Amino acid sequence: MNHWLVKQEPSDFSWDCFVSQRGTPWTGVRNYQARNFLRAMKSGDCVLFYHSGDEKSVVGLARVERAPYPDPTATEGDWVCVDLAPVRALRRPVPLAEIKARPELRELMLVTHARLSVSPVSPAHYALLLEMGT
């Protein structure tokens, strides 16, 4: 099983909206590196849901429900999406400032590639972020 992080502006699609819809196709990714990460996702993989923008916090856990398939919102190009479903909110959001303050998370792609909307998370980083969210 792999672990991932996806980022979303809460004003566009918040965790609460995600939960109320009981999941969503994760469409609209138009960065090649992020697309390649989407292509590597498998059904059952664990996903951290991150609010970008002003909030900048990991807020919940999701899982990949459907492996990559062609993104229906793409009018051209070879873009993919996956279906994500919420699992649970973190007991407390994990702010980016706290993440950056932890030396053991300095290699997390959220820190090293801040503009990337989809990124892998190592099992150790995943476990630590979950611990920080309790």
C-alpha atoms as a PDB file:
ATOM      1  CA  MET A   1       0.000   0.000   0.000  1.00  0.00           C
ATOM      2  CA  ASN A   2       1.199   3.490  -0.860  1.00  0.00           C
ATOM      3  CA  HIS A   3       0.548   6.759   0.933  1.00  0.00           C
ATOM      4  CA  TRP A   4      -0.235  10.074  -0.723  1.00  0.00           C
ATOM      5  CA  LEU A   5      -1.093  13.684  -0.032  1.00  0.00           C
ATOM      6  CA  VAL A   6      -3.538  15.733  -2.093  1.00  0.00           C
ATOM      7  CA  LYS A   7      -3.983  19.475  -1.763  1.00  0.00           C
ATOM      8  CA  GLN A   8      -7.112  21.504  -2.251  1.00  0.00           C
ATOM      9  CA  GLU A   9      -8.208  25.074  -1.580  1.00  0.00           C
ATOM     10  CA  PRO A  10     -10.955  24.806   1.054  1.00  0.00           C
ATOM     11  CA  SER A  11     -12.851  27.629  -0.681  1.00  0.00           C
ATOM     12  CA  ASP A  12     -13.019  25.458  -3.825  1.00  0.00           C
ATOM     13  CA  PHE A  13     -13.573  22.031  -2.265  1.00  0.00           C
ATOM     14  CA  SER A  14     -13.247  21.654   1.487  1.00  0.00           C
ATOM     15  CA  TRP A  15     -12.912  18.533   3.608  1.00  0.00           C
ATOM     16  CA  ASP A  16     -16.507  19.055   4.787  1.00  0.00           C
ATOM     17  CA  CYS A  17     -17.728  19.175   1.187  1.00  0.00           C
ATOM     18  CA  PHE A  18     -15.716  16.036   0.398  1.00  0.00           C
ATOM     19  CA  VAL A  19     -17.316  14.242   3.357  1.00  0.00           C
ATOM     20  CA  SER A  20     -20.830  15.432   2.481  1.00  0.00           C
ATOM     21  CA  GLN A  21     -20.403  14.077  -1.067  1.00  0.00           C
ATOM     22  CA  ARG A  22     -18.943  10.830   0.298  1.00  0.00           C
ATOM     23  CA  GLY A  23     -16.061  11.142  -2.126  1.00  0.00           C
ATOM     24  CA  THR A  24     -15.236  12.527  -5.518  1.00  0.00           C
ATOM     25  CA  PRO A  25     -13.275  11.938  -8.687  1.00  0.00           C
ATOM     26  CA  TRP A  26      -9.976  13.816  -8.177  1.00  0.00           C
ATOM     27  CA  THR A  27     -10.015  15.646 -11.506  1.00  0.00           C
ATOM     28  CA  GLY A  28      -8.340  18.708 -12.913  1.00  0.00           C
ATOM     29  CA  VAL A  29      -4.696  17.908 -12.154  1.00  0.00           C
ATOM     30  CA  ARG A  30      -2.654  19.496 -14.958  1.00  0.00           C
ATOM     31  CA  ASN A  31       0.906  19.131 -13.710  1.00  0.00           C
ATOM     32  CA  TYR A  32       2.926  16.309 -15.280  1.00  0.00           C
ATOM     33  CA  GLN A  33       4.657  15.233 -12.074  1.00  0.00           C
ATOM     34  CA  ALA A  34       1.377  15.239 -10.119  1.00  0.00           C
ATOM     35  CA  ARG A  35      -0.267  13.305 -12.977  1.00  0.00           C
ATOM     36  CA  ASN A  36       2.449  10.666 -12.777  1.00  0.00           C
ATOM     37  CA  PHE A  37       1.796  10.313  -9.055  1.00  0.00           C
ATOM     38  CA  LEU A  38      -1.939   9.901  -9.772  1.00  0.00           C
ATOM     39  CA  ARG A  39      -1.036   7.166 -12.258  1.00  0.00           C
ATOM     40  CA  ALA A  40       0.856   5.327  -9.499  1.00  0.00           C
ATOM     41  CA  MET A  41      -2.131   5.265  -7.127  1.00  0.00           C
ATOM     42  CA  LYS A  42      -3.886   1.985  -6.469  1.00  0.00           C
ATOM     43  CA  SER A  43      -7.289   1.211  -5.047  1.00  0.00           C
ATOM     44  CA  GLY A  44      -7.001   1.072  -1.264  1.00  0.00           C
ATOM     45  CA  ASP A  45      -4.039   3.455  -0.997  1.00  0.00           C
ATOM     46  CA  CYS A  46      -4.162   5.922   1.915  1.00  0.00           C
ATOM     47  CA  VAL A  47      -4.373   9.647   1.217  1.00  0.00           C
ATOM     48  CA  LEU A  48      -3.848  12.693   3.425  1.00  0.00           C
ATOM     49  CA  PHE A  49      -6.217  15.552   2.558  1.00  0.00           C
ATOM     50  CA  TYR A  50      -4.536  18.951   2.834  1.00  0.00           C
ATOM     51  CA  HIS A  51      -6.213  22.353   2.852  1.00  0.00           C
ATOM     52  CA  SER A  52      -4.003  24.800   0.977  1.00  0.00           C
ATOM     53  CA  GLY A  53      -4.491  28.568   0.802  1.00  0.00           C
ATOM     54  CA  ASP A  54      -4.828  30.417   4.087  1.00  0.00           C
ATOM     55  CA  GLU A  55      -5.425  27.288   6.178  1.00  0.00           C
ATOM     56  CA  LYS A  56      -2.338  25.226   5.163  1.00  0.00           C
ATOM     57  CA  SER A  57      -3.116  22.105   7.218  1.00  0.00           C
ATOM     58  CA  VAL A  58      -3.537  18.370   6.847  1.00  0.00           C
ATOM     59  CA  VAL A  59      -7.172  17.921   7.882  1.00  0.00           C
ATOM     60  CA  GLY A  60      -8.290  14.385   7.024  1.00  0.00           C
ATOM     61  CA  LEU A  61      -7.690  10.891   5.747  1.00  0.00           C
ATOM     62  CA  ALA A  62      -9.046   9.441   2.539  1.00  0.00           C
ATOM     63  CA  ARG A  63      -8.498   6.377   0.428  1.00  0.00           C
ATOM     64  CA  VAL A  64      -8.269   5.677  -3.266  1.00  0.00           C
ATOM     65  CA  GLU A  65     -11.513   3.985  -4.301  1.00  0.00           C
ATOM     66  CA  ARG A  66     -10.819   3.667  -8.013  1.00  0.00           C
ATOM     67  CA  ALA A  67      -7.467   3.371  -9.738  1.00  0.00           C
ATOM     68  CA  PRO A  68      -6.459   5.951 -12.361  1.00  0.00           C
ATOM     69  CA  TYR A  69      -8.652   6.447 -15.400  1.00  0.00           C
ATOM     70  CA  PRO A  70      -8.906   9.180 -18.065  1.00  0.00           C
ATOM     71  CA  ASP A  71      -9.895  12.527 -16.565  1.00  0.00           C
ATOM     72  CA  PRO A  72     -13.298  13.423 -18.037  1.00  0.00           C
ATOM     73  CA  THR A  73     -12.603  17.149 -17.503  1.00  0.00           C
ATOM     74  CA  ALA A  74      -9.573  17.123 -19.813  1.00  0.00           C
ATOM     75  CA  THR A  75     -10.295  18.435 -23.291  1.00  0.00           C
ATOM     76  CA  GLU A  76      -6.860  17.471 -24.601  1.00  0.00           C
ATOM     77  CA  GLY A  77      -3.775  15.641 -23.414  1.00  0.00           C
ATOM     78  CA  ASP A  78      -3.209  12.464 -21.461  1.00  0.00           C
ATOM     79  CA  TRP A  79      -4.593  13.383 -18.033  1.00  0.00           C
ATOM     80  CA  VAL A  80      -5.933  11.007 -15.402  1.00  0.00           C
ATOM     81  CA  CYS A  81      -7.953  11.112 -12.224  1.00  0.00           C
ATOM     82  CA  VAL A  82      -8.733   8.746  -9.359  1.00  0.00           C
ATOM     83  CA  ASP A  83     -11.797   8.411  -7.174  1.00  0.00           C
ATOM     84  CA  LEU A  84     -11.224   9.312  -3.533  1.00  0.00           C
ATOM     85  CA  ALA A  85     -13.432   8.602  -0.531  1.00  0.00           C
ATOM     86  CA  PRO A  86     -13.174  10.155   2.937  1.00  0.00           C
ATOM     87  CA  VAL A  87     -12.149   7.925   5.831  1.00  0.00           C
ATOM     88  CA  ARG A  88     -12.059  10.313   8.791  1.00  0.00           C
ATOM     89  CA  ALA A  89     -11.073  13.793   9.858  1.00  0.00           C
ATOM     90  CA  LEU A  90      -7.959  14.195  11.935  1.00  0.00           C
ATOM     91  CA  ARG A  91      -8.714  14.984  15.570  1.00  0.00           C
ATOM     92  CA  ARG A  92      -6.841  18.213  15.027  1.00  0.00           C
ATOM     93  CA  PRO A  93      -5.515  19.770  11.823  1.00  0.00           C
ATOM     94  CA  VAL A  94      -1.741  19.572  11.367  1.00  0.00           C
ATOM     95  CA  PRO A  95      -0.552  23.023  10.268  1.00  0.00           C
ATOM     96  CA  LEU A  96       2.242  23.421   7.738  1.00  0.00           C
ATOM     97  CA  ALA A  97       4.212  25.469  10.285  1.00  0.00           C
ATOM     98  CA  GLU A  98       4.300  22.442  12.637  1.00  0.00           C
ATOM     99  CA  ILE A  99       5.246  20.146   9.762  1.00  0.00           C
ATOM    100  CA  LYS A 100       8.134  22.416   8.774  1.00  0.00           C
ATOM    101  CA  ALA A 101       9.267  22.603  12.415  1.00  0.00           C
ATOM    102  CA  ARG A 102       9.827  18.820  12.565  1.00  0.00           C
ATOM    103  CA  PRO A 103      13.317  17.894  11.290  1.00  0.00           C
ATOM    104  CA  GLU A 104      12.139  14.363  10.464  1.00  0.00           C
ATOM    105  CA  LEU A 105       9.659  15.836   7.942  1.00  0.00           C
ATOM    106  CA  ARG A 106      12.133  18.052   6.085  1.00  0.00           C
ATOM    107  CA  GLU A 107      12.129  15.632   3.094  1.00  0.00           C
ATOM    108  CA  LEU A 108       8.319  15.499   2.834  1.00  0.00           C
ATOM    109  CA  MET A 109       7.367  16.644  -0.678  1.00  0.00           C
ATOM    110  CA  LEU A 110       4.804  19.021   0.826  1.00  0.00           C
ATOM    111  CA  VAL A 111       7.836  20.887   2.189  1.00  0.00           C
ATOM    112  CA  THR A 112      10.307  20.394  -0.661  1.00  0.00           C
ATOM    113  CA  HIS A 113       7.865  20.801  -3.587  1.00  0.00           C
ATOM    114  CA  ALA A 114       5.285  23.145  -2.090  1.00  0.00           C
ATOM    115  CA  ARG A 115       3.343  23.808  -5.297  1.00  0.00           C
ATOM    116  CA  LEU A 116       2.720  20.166  -6.160  1.00  0.00           C
ATOM    117  CA  SER A 117      -0.952  19.194  -5.659  1.00  0.00           C
ATOM    118  CA  VAL A 118      -0.429  15.412  -5.473  1.00  0.00           C
ATOM    119  CA  SER A 119       2.604  13.807  -3.874  1.00  0.00           C
ATOM    120  CA  PRO A 120       3.771  10.549  -2.317  1.00  0.00           C
ATOM    121  CA  VAL A 121       4.290  10.263   1.431  1.00  0.00           C
ATOM    122  CA  SER A 122       6.655   7.727   2.972  1.00  0.00           C
ATOM    123  CA  PRO A 123       5.176   5.300   5.529  1.00  0.00           C
ATOM    124  CA  ALA A 124       7.253   6.938   8.288  1.00  0.00           C
ATOM    125  CA  HIS A 125       6.088  10.441   7.364  1.00  0.00           C
ATOM    126  CA  TYR A 126       2.505   9.225   7.088  1.00  0.00           C
ATOM    127  CA  ALA A 127       2.631   7.661  10.563  1.00  0.00           C
ATOM    128  CA  LEU A 128       4.153  10.799  12.068  1.00  0.00           C
ATOM    129  CA  LEU A 129       1.555  13.083  10.467  1.00  0.00           C
ATOM    130  CA  LEU A 130      -1.227  10.856  11.820  1.00  0.00           C
ATOM    131  CA  GLU A 131       0.352  11.008  15.274  1.00  0.00           C
ATOM    132  CA  MET A 132       0.579  14.796  15.050  1.00  0.00           C
ATOM    133  CA  GLY A 133      -3.123  14.923  14.159  1.00  0.00           C
ATOM    134  CA  THR A 134      -4.305  13.127  17.300  1.00  0.00           C
END
